N, C-alpha and C. Protein backbone atom coordinates (compact mmCIF):
# COMPACT_ATOMS: atom_id res chain seq x y z
N PHE A 1 -60.16 31.61 -13.95
CA PHE A 1 -60.04 30.52 -13.01
C PHE A 1 -61.37 30.28 -12.35
N ALA A 2 -61.49 29.11 -11.68
CA ALA A 2 -62.78 28.71 -11.15
C ALA A 2 -62.65 28.27 -9.70
N GLY A 3 -63.79 28.21 -9.07
CA GLY A 3 -63.92 27.70 -7.71
C GLY A 3 -65.27 27.03 -7.59
N PRO A 4 -65.58 26.49 -6.43
CA PRO A 4 -66.88 25.85 -6.25
C PRO A 4 -68.06 26.81 -6.45
N ASP A 5 -67.82 28.11 -6.33
CA ASP A 5 -68.91 29.07 -6.49
C ASP A 5 -69.16 29.48 -7.94
N GLY A 6 -68.24 29.17 -8.85
CA GLY A 6 -68.37 29.55 -10.25
C GLY A 6 -67.02 29.86 -10.84
N TYR A 7 -66.99 30.67 -11.88
CA TYR A 7 -65.70 31.03 -12.47
C TYR A 7 -65.68 32.51 -12.84
N ILE A 8 -64.45 33.01 -13.00
CA ILE A 8 -64.25 34.38 -13.47
C ILE A 8 -63.63 34.32 -14.85
N HIS A 9 -63.88 35.35 -15.63
CA HIS A 9 -63.21 35.49 -16.92
C HIS A 9 -62.59 36.88 -16.96
N ASP A 10 -61.27 36.89 -16.97
CA ASP A 10 -60.52 38.14 -17.02
C ASP A 10 -59.87 38.22 -18.40
N PRO A 11 -60.45 38.99 -19.33
CA PRO A 11 -59.92 39.03 -20.69
C PRO A 11 -58.49 39.57 -20.78
N ASP A 12 -58.05 40.31 -19.75
CA ASP A 12 -56.67 40.80 -19.73
C ASP A 12 -55.70 39.78 -19.17
N GLY A 13 -56.22 38.67 -18.69
CA GLY A 13 -55.38 37.63 -18.11
C GLY A 13 -55.21 37.83 -16.62
N VAL A 14 -55.05 36.72 -15.95
CA VAL A 14 -54.79 36.74 -14.51
C VAL A 14 -53.27 36.77 -14.37
N CYS A 15 -52.74 37.96 -14.58
CA CYS A 15 -51.29 38.11 -14.56
C CYS A 15 -50.93 39.44 -13.92
N GLY A 16 -49.69 39.58 -13.58
CA GLY A 16 -49.23 40.79 -12.90
C GLY A 16 -49.21 40.56 -11.41
N GLU A 17 -48.32 41.26 -10.76
CA GLU A 17 -48.10 41.06 -9.33
C GLU A 17 -49.34 41.33 -8.50
N GLU A 18 -50.07 42.41 -8.82
CA GLU A 18 -51.24 42.76 -8.01
C GLU A 18 -52.30 41.65 -8.06
N LYS A 19 -52.60 41.16 -9.25
CA LYS A 19 -53.62 40.12 -9.40
C LYS A 19 -53.18 38.81 -8.76
N LEU A 20 -51.95 38.42 -9.01
CA LEU A 20 -51.47 37.16 -8.45
C LEU A 20 -51.41 37.21 -6.93
N ASN A 21 -50.95 38.31 -6.37
CA ASN A 21 -50.93 38.44 -4.91
C ASN A 21 -52.34 38.42 -4.34
N PHE A 22 -53.28 39.05 -5.04
CA PHE A 22 -54.66 39.04 -4.56
C PHE A 22 -55.21 37.61 -4.54
N ILE A 23 -54.93 36.85 -5.60
CA ILE A 23 -55.41 35.45 -5.65
C ILE A 23 -54.82 34.65 -4.50
N LEU A 24 -53.53 34.80 -4.25
CA LEU A 24 -52.90 34.06 -3.15
C LEU A 24 -53.54 34.41 -1.81
N GLU A 25 -53.75 35.68 -1.57
CA GLU A 25 -54.39 36.11 -0.32
C GLU A 25 -55.84 35.64 -0.25
N MET A 26 -56.56 35.76 -1.35
CA MET A 26 -57.96 35.37 -1.40
C MET A 26 -58.10 33.88 -1.13
N ARG A 27 -57.31 33.06 -1.79
CA ARG A 27 -57.39 31.61 -1.63
C ARG A 27 -56.95 31.17 -0.23
N ALA A 28 -56.00 31.89 0.37
CA ALA A 28 -55.57 31.56 1.73
C ALA A 28 -56.70 31.80 2.73
N LYS A 29 -57.48 32.84 2.51
CA LYS A 29 -58.60 33.18 3.40
C LYS A 29 -59.83 32.33 3.12
N ASP A 30 -60.13 32.12 1.83
CA ASP A 30 -61.37 31.44 1.45
C ASP A 30 -61.16 30.71 0.12
N PRO A 31 -60.69 29.47 0.17
CA PRO A 31 -60.40 28.74 -1.07
C PRO A 31 -61.65 28.31 -1.84
N MET A 32 -62.82 28.53 -1.29
CA MET A 32 -64.05 28.05 -1.91
C MET A 32 -64.70 29.07 -2.84
N HIS A 33 -64.16 30.28 -2.91
CA HIS A 33 -64.80 31.31 -3.71
C HIS A 33 -63.81 32.08 -4.59
N CYS A 34 -64.25 32.39 -5.79
CA CYS A 34 -63.42 33.22 -6.67
C CYS A 34 -64.12 34.55 -7.01
N LYS A 35 -65.36 34.72 -6.56
CA LYS A 35 -66.10 35.94 -6.83
C LYS A 35 -65.39 37.20 -6.32
N PRO A 36 -64.69 37.15 -5.17
CA PRO A 36 -64.01 38.37 -4.72
C PRO A 36 -63.03 38.93 -5.76
N TYR A 37 -62.40 38.07 -6.55
CA TYR A 37 -61.51 38.53 -7.62
C TYR A 37 -62.31 39.35 -8.62
N ALA A 38 -63.47 38.85 -9.03
CA ALA A 38 -64.31 39.56 -9.99
C ALA A 38 -64.74 40.91 -9.44
N ASP A 39 -65.09 40.93 -8.16
CA ASP A 39 -65.51 42.18 -7.53
C ASP A 39 -64.38 43.20 -7.52
N LYS A 40 -63.18 42.75 -7.16
CA LYS A 40 -62.05 43.67 -7.04
C LYS A 40 -61.59 44.21 -8.40
N PHE A 41 -61.54 43.34 -9.40
CA PHE A 41 -60.96 43.74 -10.68
C PHE A 41 -62.02 44.03 -11.76
N GLY A 42 -63.29 43.98 -11.40
CA GLY A 42 -64.36 44.35 -12.33
C GLY A 42 -64.46 43.46 -13.55
N VAL A 43 -64.30 42.16 -13.34
CA VAL A 43 -64.39 41.22 -14.46
C VAL A 43 -65.63 40.34 -14.30
N LYS A 44 -65.92 39.61 -15.32
CA LYS A 44 -67.12 38.76 -15.36
C LYS A 44 -67.00 37.60 -14.36
N PHE A 45 -68.05 37.38 -13.59
CA PHE A 45 -68.18 36.23 -12.71
C PHE A 45 -69.42 35.46 -13.13
N VAL A 46 -69.27 34.15 -13.33
CA VAL A 46 -70.39 33.30 -13.73
C VAL A 46 -70.63 32.32 -12.59
N PRO A 47 -71.71 32.52 -11.83
CA PRO A 47 -71.95 31.64 -10.69
C PRO A 47 -72.41 30.24 -11.09
N GLY A 48 -71.96 29.25 -10.31
CA GLY A 48 -72.45 27.89 -10.46
C GLY A 48 -72.02 27.14 -11.69
N LYS A 49 -71.05 27.66 -12.43
CA LYS A 49 -70.59 26.98 -13.65
C LYS A 49 -69.08 26.84 -13.63
N LYS A 50 -68.59 25.97 -14.52
CA LYS A 50 -67.15 25.81 -14.74
C LYS A 50 -66.75 26.60 -15.97
N SER A 51 -65.49 26.86 -16.11
CA SER A 51 -65.00 27.73 -17.18
C SER A 51 -64.85 27.04 -18.53
N TRP A 52 -65.30 25.81 -18.65
CA TRP A 52 -65.09 25.09 -19.91
C TRP A 52 -65.86 25.71 -21.06
N GLU A 53 -66.81 26.58 -20.78
CA GLU A 53 -67.56 27.22 -21.85
C GLU A 53 -66.84 28.41 -22.47
N VAL A 54 -65.71 28.80 -21.90
CA VAL A 54 -64.95 29.94 -22.40
C VAL A 54 -63.97 29.46 -23.47
N LYS A 55 -63.97 30.17 -24.60
CA LYS A 55 -63.04 29.82 -25.68
C LYS A 55 -61.62 30.18 -25.28
N GLY A 56 -60.68 29.31 -25.65
CA GLY A 56 -59.28 29.56 -25.38
C GLY A 56 -58.40 28.52 -26.04
N ASP A 57 -57.17 28.87 -26.26
CA ASP A 57 -56.23 27.94 -26.89
C ASP A 57 -55.76 26.86 -25.93
N ILE A 58 -55.72 27.19 -24.64
CA ILE A 58 -55.18 26.26 -23.64
C ILE A 58 -56.23 26.00 -22.57
N CYS A 59 -56.38 24.74 -22.22
CA CYS A 59 -57.28 24.35 -21.14
C CYS A 59 -56.45 23.58 -20.10
N MET A 60 -56.57 24.00 -18.84
CA MET A 60 -55.76 23.40 -17.77
C MET A 60 -56.65 23.02 -16.58
N PRO A 61 -57.32 21.87 -16.64
CA PRO A 61 -58.13 21.45 -15.49
C PRO A 61 -57.22 21.18 -14.29
N ALA A 62 -57.59 21.76 -13.16
CA ALA A 62 -56.72 21.69 -11.98
C ALA A 62 -57.50 21.42 -10.70
N ALA A 63 -58.60 20.69 -10.78
CA ALA A 63 -59.41 20.53 -9.57
C ALA A 63 -59.36 19.11 -9.03
N TYR A 64 -60.10 18.20 -9.60
CA TYR A 64 -60.20 16.88 -9.00
C TYR A 64 -60.29 15.80 -10.07
N GLN A 65 -60.10 14.56 -9.63
CA GLN A 65 -60.08 13.43 -10.55
C GLN A 65 -61.42 13.27 -11.26
N ASN A 66 -61.35 12.99 -12.56
CA ASN A 66 -62.51 12.75 -13.41
C ASN A 66 -63.48 13.93 -13.48
N GLU A 67 -62.97 15.13 -13.31
CA GLU A 67 -63.80 16.34 -13.43
C GLU A 67 -64.27 16.54 -14.87
N ILE A 68 -63.44 16.16 -15.82
CA ILE A 68 -63.77 16.35 -17.23
C ILE A 68 -64.25 15.03 -17.83
N GLY A 69 -65.54 14.98 -18.12
CA GLY A 69 -66.14 13.84 -18.80
C GLY A 69 -66.44 14.21 -20.24
N MET A 70 -67.25 13.42 -20.90
CA MET A 70 -67.54 13.67 -22.31
C MET A 70 -68.25 15.00 -22.57
N PRO A 71 -69.24 15.40 -21.76
CA PRO A 71 -69.87 16.71 -22.06
C PRO A 71 -68.86 17.87 -22.00
N GLU A 72 -68.00 17.84 -20.99
CA GLU A 72 -66.99 18.90 -20.86
C GLU A 72 -65.97 18.82 -22.01
N ALA A 73 -65.56 17.60 -22.36
CA ALA A 73 -64.60 17.42 -23.45
C ALA A 73 -65.16 17.93 -24.77
N GLU A 74 -66.42 17.66 -25.02
CA GLU A 74 -67.05 18.14 -26.25
C GLU A 74 -67.10 19.66 -26.27
N GLN A 75 -67.36 20.28 -25.12
CA GLN A 75 -67.39 21.75 -25.04
C GLN A 75 -65.98 22.31 -25.24
N ILE A 76 -64.99 21.68 -24.63
CA ILE A 76 -63.60 22.13 -24.78
C ILE A 76 -63.18 22.07 -26.24
N LEU A 77 -63.54 21.00 -26.91
CA LEU A 77 -63.23 20.86 -28.34
C LEU A 77 -63.96 21.94 -29.15
N ALA A 78 -65.24 22.16 -28.85
CA ALA A 78 -66.02 23.17 -29.57
C ALA A 78 -65.45 24.57 -29.38
N ASN A 79 -64.74 24.79 -28.29
CA ASN A 79 -64.14 26.09 -28.01
C ASN A 79 -62.89 26.36 -28.85
N GLY A 80 -62.44 25.37 -29.60
CA GLY A 80 -61.25 25.56 -30.40
C GLY A 80 -59.95 25.39 -29.63
N THR A 81 -60.02 24.72 -28.50
CA THR A 81 -58.83 24.49 -27.68
C THR A 81 -57.79 23.68 -28.46
N LYS A 82 -56.53 24.06 -28.32
CA LYS A 82 -55.44 23.37 -29.02
C LYS A 82 -54.58 22.54 -28.07
N TYR A 83 -54.44 23.01 -26.83
CA TYR A 83 -53.56 22.37 -25.86
C TYR A 83 -54.35 22.06 -24.59
N TYR A 84 -54.29 20.82 -24.17
CA TYR A 84 -55.01 20.36 -22.98
C TYR A 84 -53.97 19.86 -21.99
N ILE A 85 -53.81 20.58 -20.89
CA ILE A 85 -52.75 20.30 -19.93
C ILE A 85 -53.39 19.87 -18.62
N GLU A 86 -53.20 18.61 -18.26
CA GLU A 86 -53.79 18.08 -17.03
C GLU A 86 -52.95 18.51 -15.83
N VAL A 87 -53.39 19.53 -15.14
CA VAL A 87 -52.66 20.06 -13.99
C VAL A 87 -53.03 19.31 -12.71
N ALA A 88 -54.25 18.82 -12.62
CA ALA A 88 -54.67 18.02 -11.47
C ALA A 88 -54.25 16.56 -11.69
N ASN A 89 -54.43 15.74 -10.68
CA ASN A 89 -54.17 14.31 -10.83
C ASN A 89 -55.35 13.65 -11.53
N MET A 90 -55.11 13.23 -12.76
CA MET A 90 -56.09 12.53 -13.58
C MET A 90 -57.46 13.24 -13.60
N PRO A 91 -57.52 14.50 -14.05
CA PRO A 91 -58.78 15.22 -14.03
C PRO A 91 -59.76 14.79 -15.12
N THR A 92 -59.31 13.93 -16.03
CA THR A 92 -60.09 13.60 -17.20
C THR A 92 -60.43 12.11 -17.21
N THR A 93 -61.69 11.79 -17.50
CA THR A 93 -62.04 10.38 -17.65
C THR A 93 -61.30 9.82 -18.85
N ASN A 94 -61.08 8.51 -18.87
CA ASN A 94 -60.38 7.90 -20.00
C ASN A 94 -61.11 8.17 -21.31
N GLU A 95 -62.43 8.05 -21.30
CA GLU A 95 -63.21 8.27 -22.50
C GLU A 95 -63.00 9.69 -23.04
N ALA A 96 -63.05 10.68 -22.15
CA ALA A 96 -62.88 12.07 -22.57
C ALA A 96 -61.45 12.35 -23.04
N LEU A 97 -60.49 11.75 -22.34
CA LEU A 97 -59.08 11.96 -22.71
C LEU A 97 -58.81 11.42 -24.11
N PHE A 98 -59.26 10.20 -24.40
CA PHE A 98 -59.04 9.62 -25.72
C PHE A 98 -59.82 10.36 -26.80
N PHE A 99 -60.97 10.88 -26.45
CA PHE A 99 -61.74 11.71 -27.38
C PHE A 99 -60.94 12.94 -27.77
N LEU A 100 -60.42 13.67 -26.78
CA LEU A 100 -59.65 14.89 -27.06
C LEU A 100 -58.40 14.58 -27.88
N MET A 101 -57.71 13.51 -27.51
CA MET A 101 -56.51 13.13 -28.26
C MET A 101 -56.86 12.78 -29.70
N GLY A 102 -57.97 12.07 -29.87
CA GLY A 102 -58.41 11.65 -31.19
C GLY A 102 -58.83 12.81 -32.08
N LYS A 103 -59.15 13.94 -31.46
CA LYS A 103 -59.56 15.12 -32.21
C LYS A 103 -58.38 16.07 -32.48
N GLY A 104 -57.17 15.63 -32.14
CA GLY A 104 -55.98 16.39 -32.51
C GLY A 104 -55.46 17.37 -31.48
N LEU A 105 -56.04 17.41 -30.28
CA LEU A 105 -55.50 18.29 -29.26
C LEU A 105 -54.17 17.72 -28.75
N VAL A 106 -53.23 18.59 -28.47
CA VAL A 106 -51.99 18.16 -27.81
C VAL A 106 -52.34 18.03 -26.34
N VAL A 107 -52.17 16.83 -25.80
CA VAL A 107 -52.51 16.56 -24.41
C VAL A 107 -51.23 16.33 -23.62
N ALA A 108 -51.06 17.12 -22.57
CA ALA A 108 -49.95 16.93 -21.63
C ALA A 108 -50.54 16.20 -20.43
N PRO A 109 -50.17 14.92 -20.24
CA PRO A 109 -50.81 14.10 -19.21
C PRO A 109 -50.38 14.47 -17.79
N SER A 110 -51.29 14.23 -16.86
CA SER A 110 -51.05 14.60 -15.46
C SER A 110 -49.79 13.97 -14.90
N LYS A 111 -49.51 12.72 -15.25
CA LYS A 111 -48.33 12.08 -14.65
C LYS A 111 -47.04 12.77 -15.07
N ALA A 112 -46.99 13.34 -16.25
CA ALA A 112 -45.80 14.07 -16.68
C ALA A 112 -45.81 15.50 -16.14
N VAL A 113 -46.96 16.16 -16.23
CA VAL A 113 -47.06 17.54 -15.75
C VAL A 113 -46.78 17.63 -14.25
N ASN A 114 -47.38 16.71 -13.50
CA ASN A 114 -47.24 16.75 -12.05
C ASN A 114 -45.89 16.24 -11.57
N ALA A 115 -45.09 15.72 -12.46
CA ALA A 115 -43.74 15.30 -12.08
C ALA A 115 -42.93 16.51 -11.60
N GLY A 116 -43.31 17.69 -12.03
CA GLY A 116 -42.62 18.91 -11.59
C GLY A 116 -42.71 19.10 -10.08
N GLY A 117 -43.88 18.83 -9.52
CA GLY A 117 -44.05 18.94 -8.07
C GLY A 117 -43.24 17.89 -7.33
N VAL A 118 -43.26 16.67 -7.85
CA VAL A 118 -42.49 15.59 -7.25
C VAL A 118 -41.00 15.89 -7.35
N ALA A 119 -40.58 16.38 -8.51
CA ALA A 119 -39.16 16.71 -8.70
C ALA A 119 -38.72 17.82 -7.76
N THR A 120 -39.57 18.81 -7.58
CA THR A 120 -39.23 19.91 -6.67
C THR A 120 -39.07 19.40 -5.25
N SER A 121 -39.94 18.47 -4.84
CA SER A 121 -39.79 17.85 -3.51
C SER A 121 -38.45 17.13 -3.41
N GLY A 122 -38.08 16.44 -4.48
CA GLY A 122 -36.79 15.75 -4.49
C GLY A 122 -35.63 16.73 -4.39
N LEU A 123 -35.74 17.86 -5.09
CA LEU A 123 -34.68 18.87 -5.00
C LEU A 123 -34.60 19.44 -3.58
N GLU A 124 -35.74 19.63 -2.93
CA GLU A 124 -35.75 20.11 -1.55
C GLU A 124 -35.09 19.11 -0.62
N MET A 125 -35.39 17.82 -0.82
CA MET A 125 -34.79 16.78 0.02
C MET A 125 -33.28 16.73 -0.19
N SER A 126 -32.84 16.93 -1.44
CA SER A 126 -31.40 16.96 -1.71
C SER A 126 -30.73 18.11 -0.97
N GLN A 127 -31.35 19.27 -1.02
CA GLN A 127 -30.81 20.42 -0.31
C GLN A 127 -30.74 20.14 1.19
N ASN A 128 -31.80 19.58 1.72
CA ASN A 128 -31.84 19.30 3.16
C ASN A 128 -30.78 18.30 3.57
N SER A 129 -30.62 17.23 2.79
CA SER A 129 -29.65 16.20 3.18
C SER A 129 -28.22 16.69 3.06
N GLU A 130 -27.99 17.61 2.15
CA GLU A 130 -26.64 18.17 1.99
C GLU A 130 -26.45 19.46 2.79
N ARG A 131 -27.50 19.87 3.49
CA ARG A 131 -27.48 21.11 4.27
C ARG A 131 -27.08 22.31 3.41
N LEU A 132 -27.75 22.38 2.26
CA LEU A 132 -27.53 23.47 1.31
C LEU A 132 -28.79 24.30 1.17
N ALA A 133 -28.63 25.49 0.71
CA ALA A 133 -29.76 26.35 0.38
C ALA A 133 -29.50 26.93 -1.01
N TRP A 134 -30.20 26.37 -2.00
CA TRP A 134 -30.03 26.85 -3.36
C TRP A 134 -30.85 28.10 -3.58
N LYS A 135 -30.36 28.94 -4.45
CA LYS A 135 -31.14 30.12 -4.86
C LYS A 135 -32.29 29.64 -5.73
N ALA A 136 -33.33 30.46 -5.79
CA ALA A 136 -34.51 30.11 -6.58
C ALA A 136 -34.13 29.84 -8.04
N GLU A 137 -33.19 30.59 -8.56
CA GLU A 137 -32.77 30.40 -9.96
C GLU A 137 -32.16 29.02 -10.18
N GLU A 138 -31.43 28.51 -9.20
CA GLU A 138 -30.83 27.17 -9.31
C GLU A 138 -31.91 26.10 -9.31
N VAL A 139 -32.90 26.23 -8.41
CA VAL A 139 -34.01 25.27 -8.37
C VAL A 139 -34.78 25.33 -9.69
N ASP A 140 -35.07 26.54 -10.16
CA ASP A 140 -35.78 26.69 -11.43
C ASP A 140 -35.00 26.07 -12.59
N SER A 141 -33.70 26.26 -12.60
CA SER A 141 -32.86 25.71 -13.66
C SER A 141 -32.90 24.19 -13.65
N GLN A 142 -32.77 23.61 -12.46
CA GLN A 142 -32.80 22.15 -12.37
C GLN A 142 -34.18 21.60 -12.73
N LEU A 143 -35.24 22.28 -12.28
CA LEU A 143 -36.59 21.84 -12.60
C LEU A 143 -36.84 21.96 -14.11
N HIS A 144 -36.37 23.02 -14.72
CA HIS A 144 -36.51 23.18 -16.17
C HIS A 144 -35.84 22.02 -16.90
N HIS A 145 -34.65 21.67 -16.46
CA HIS A 145 -33.91 20.55 -17.05
C HIS A 145 -34.69 19.24 -16.89
N ILE A 146 -35.21 18.99 -15.71
CA ILE A 146 -35.96 17.76 -15.44
C ILE A 146 -37.20 17.68 -16.33
N MET A 147 -37.96 18.78 -16.37
CA MET A 147 -39.20 18.77 -17.15
C MET A 147 -38.93 18.67 -18.66
N THR A 148 -37.85 19.29 -19.11
CA THR A 148 -37.47 19.18 -20.52
C THR A 148 -37.14 17.73 -20.86
N ASN A 149 -36.44 17.06 -19.95
CA ASN A 149 -36.10 15.65 -20.17
C ASN A 149 -37.33 14.76 -20.16
N ILE A 150 -38.28 15.05 -19.27
CA ILE A 150 -39.52 14.26 -19.24
C ILE A 150 -40.27 14.41 -20.56
N HIS A 151 -40.38 15.65 -21.04
CA HIS A 151 -41.06 15.87 -22.32
C HIS A 151 -40.34 15.14 -23.45
N ALA A 152 -39.03 15.28 -23.49
CA ALA A 152 -38.26 14.64 -24.57
C ALA A 152 -38.39 13.12 -24.51
N ALA A 153 -38.31 12.54 -23.31
CA ALA A 153 -38.44 11.08 -23.17
C ALA A 153 -39.84 10.62 -23.58
N SER A 154 -40.86 11.38 -23.22
CA SER A 154 -42.24 11.02 -23.57
C SER A 154 -42.45 11.09 -25.08
N ALA A 155 -42.00 12.16 -25.69
CA ALA A 155 -42.15 12.33 -27.13
C ALA A 155 -41.37 11.25 -27.89
N LYS A 156 -40.16 10.97 -27.44
CA LYS A 156 -39.31 9.96 -28.10
C LYS A 156 -39.92 8.56 -27.97
N ALA A 157 -40.41 8.21 -26.78
CA ALA A 157 -40.98 6.88 -26.57
C ALA A 157 -42.20 6.68 -27.47
N ALA A 158 -43.06 7.68 -27.56
CA ALA A 158 -44.24 7.57 -28.42
C ALA A 158 -43.84 7.42 -29.88
N GLU A 159 -42.89 8.24 -30.31
CA GLU A 159 -42.44 8.17 -31.70
C GLU A 159 -41.82 6.81 -32.02
N GLU A 160 -40.97 6.31 -31.13
CA GLU A 160 -40.32 5.01 -31.36
C GLU A 160 -41.31 3.86 -31.44
N CYS A 161 -42.45 4.02 -30.80
CA CYS A 161 -43.48 2.97 -30.82
C CYS A 161 -44.51 3.20 -31.91
N GLY A 162 -44.24 4.16 -32.79
CA GLY A 162 -45.14 4.42 -33.91
C GLY A 162 -46.43 5.13 -33.52
N LEU A 163 -46.39 5.89 -32.42
CA LEU A 163 -47.59 6.56 -31.93
C LEU A 163 -47.58 8.06 -32.19
N GLY A 164 -46.62 8.53 -32.97
CA GLY A 164 -46.55 9.96 -33.27
C GLY A 164 -46.25 10.77 -32.03
N TYR A 165 -46.87 11.93 -31.94
CA TYR A 165 -46.63 12.85 -30.81
C TYR A 165 -47.72 12.65 -29.76
N ASN A 166 -47.82 11.44 -29.24
CA ASN A 166 -48.81 11.09 -28.22
C ASN A 166 -48.12 11.12 -26.86
N LEU A 167 -48.19 12.26 -26.18
CA LEU A 167 -47.48 12.41 -24.91
C LEU A 167 -48.08 11.56 -23.80
N VAL A 168 -49.37 11.22 -23.90
CA VAL A 168 -49.99 10.36 -22.89
C VAL A 168 -49.36 8.98 -22.95
N ALA A 169 -49.37 8.37 -24.13
CA ALA A 169 -48.76 7.05 -24.29
C ALA A 169 -47.26 7.12 -24.04
N GLY A 170 -46.63 8.17 -24.54
CA GLY A 170 -45.18 8.32 -24.36
C GLY A 170 -44.77 8.41 -22.91
N ALA A 171 -45.53 9.13 -22.10
CA ALA A 171 -45.22 9.24 -20.67
C ALA A 171 -45.35 7.87 -20.00
N ASN A 172 -46.38 7.13 -20.37
CA ASN A 172 -46.55 5.78 -19.81
C ASN A 172 -45.41 4.87 -20.21
N ILE A 173 -45.07 4.89 -21.48
CA ILE A 173 -44.00 4.01 -21.99
C ILE A 173 -42.66 4.40 -21.37
N ALA A 174 -42.34 5.69 -21.37
CA ALA A 174 -41.05 6.14 -20.82
C ALA A 174 -40.96 5.83 -19.33
N GLY A 175 -42.05 6.03 -18.60
CA GLY A 175 -42.06 5.72 -17.17
C GLY A 175 -41.86 4.24 -16.91
N PHE A 176 -42.57 3.39 -17.67
CA PHE A 176 -42.42 1.95 -17.52
C PHE A 176 -41.00 1.52 -17.84
N LYS A 177 -40.45 2.07 -18.93
CA LYS A 177 -39.09 1.71 -19.33
C LYS A 177 -38.07 2.11 -18.27
N LYS A 178 -38.26 3.27 -17.67
CA LYS A 178 -37.33 3.74 -16.63
C LYS A 178 -37.34 2.80 -15.43
N VAL A 179 -38.53 2.38 -15.01
CA VAL A 179 -38.64 1.45 -13.88
C VAL A 179 -38.05 0.08 -14.26
N ALA A 180 -38.37 -0.40 -15.45
CA ALA A 180 -37.84 -1.68 -15.90
C ALA A 180 -36.31 -1.66 -15.98
N ASP A 181 -35.75 -0.58 -16.52
CA ASP A 181 -34.29 -0.45 -16.61
C ASP A 181 -33.66 -0.45 -15.23
N ALA A 182 -34.28 0.24 -14.28
CA ALA A 182 -33.74 0.28 -12.92
C ALA A 182 -33.81 -1.10 -12.27
N MET A 183 -34.89 -1.82 -12.50
CA MET A 183 -35.01 -3.18 -11.96
C MET A 183 -33.95 -4.10 -12.54
N MET A 184 -33.74 -3.97 -13.85
CA MET A 184 -32.73 -4.80 -14.50
C MET A 184 -31.33 -4.47 -13.99
N ALA A 185 -31.06 -3.20 -13.78
CA ALA A 185 -29.74 -2.79 -13.26
C ALA A 185 -29.51 -3.34 -11.86
N GLN A 186 -30.58 -3.54 -11.12
CA GLN A 186 -30.46 -4.10 -9.77
C GLN A 186 -30.50 -5.64 -9.77
N GLY A 187 -30.65 -6.23 -10.97
CA GLY A 187 -30.70 -7.69 -11.09
C GLY A 187 -32.03 -8.28 -10.63
N LEU A 188 -33.08 -7.50 -10.67
CA LEU A 188 -34.37 -7.96 -10.18
C LEU A 188 -35.24 -8.59 -11.27
N VAL A 189 -34.78 -8.57 -12.51
CA VAL A 189 -35.57 -9.14 -13.61
C VAL A 189 -34.76 -10.18 -14.32
């Protein structure tokens, strides 16, 4: 993972309760630095750079809009990345996004990926309005169902329009269709 100070590379993965708890505590105290993680766990820290130079199957930009331009996209492709998941809101320029898609990477677009956060807020509002408190497993189950449906609708919309497995176009088409259908049901079109 990365921060404004650089990035860390943990070949064993940033997983396990100890590491995850440390990251949560570290980010709560100082969200601008990731070097303390490297110091604590004895892993590589690269100052002043982003992690796009590290080879990996999955790339998940999670910082800011248009962070990934053509130079970063070319590096990500050269790394052999297979899955590009936009975790931030529109972290990729249009040029870089279409480049990655054109090179065969599976791209999960920010509007579909980030729907999970919006859906969770909706589930919280439902609980509040009904004065209920769901267990974490119930929220996870409902969120899993919602995200599975978003993926299926995106994949289906792209396929029906002759675009193959283009989740970016599919998410746009499925979202537009959902709004249009709702407007028509309300007699607004």
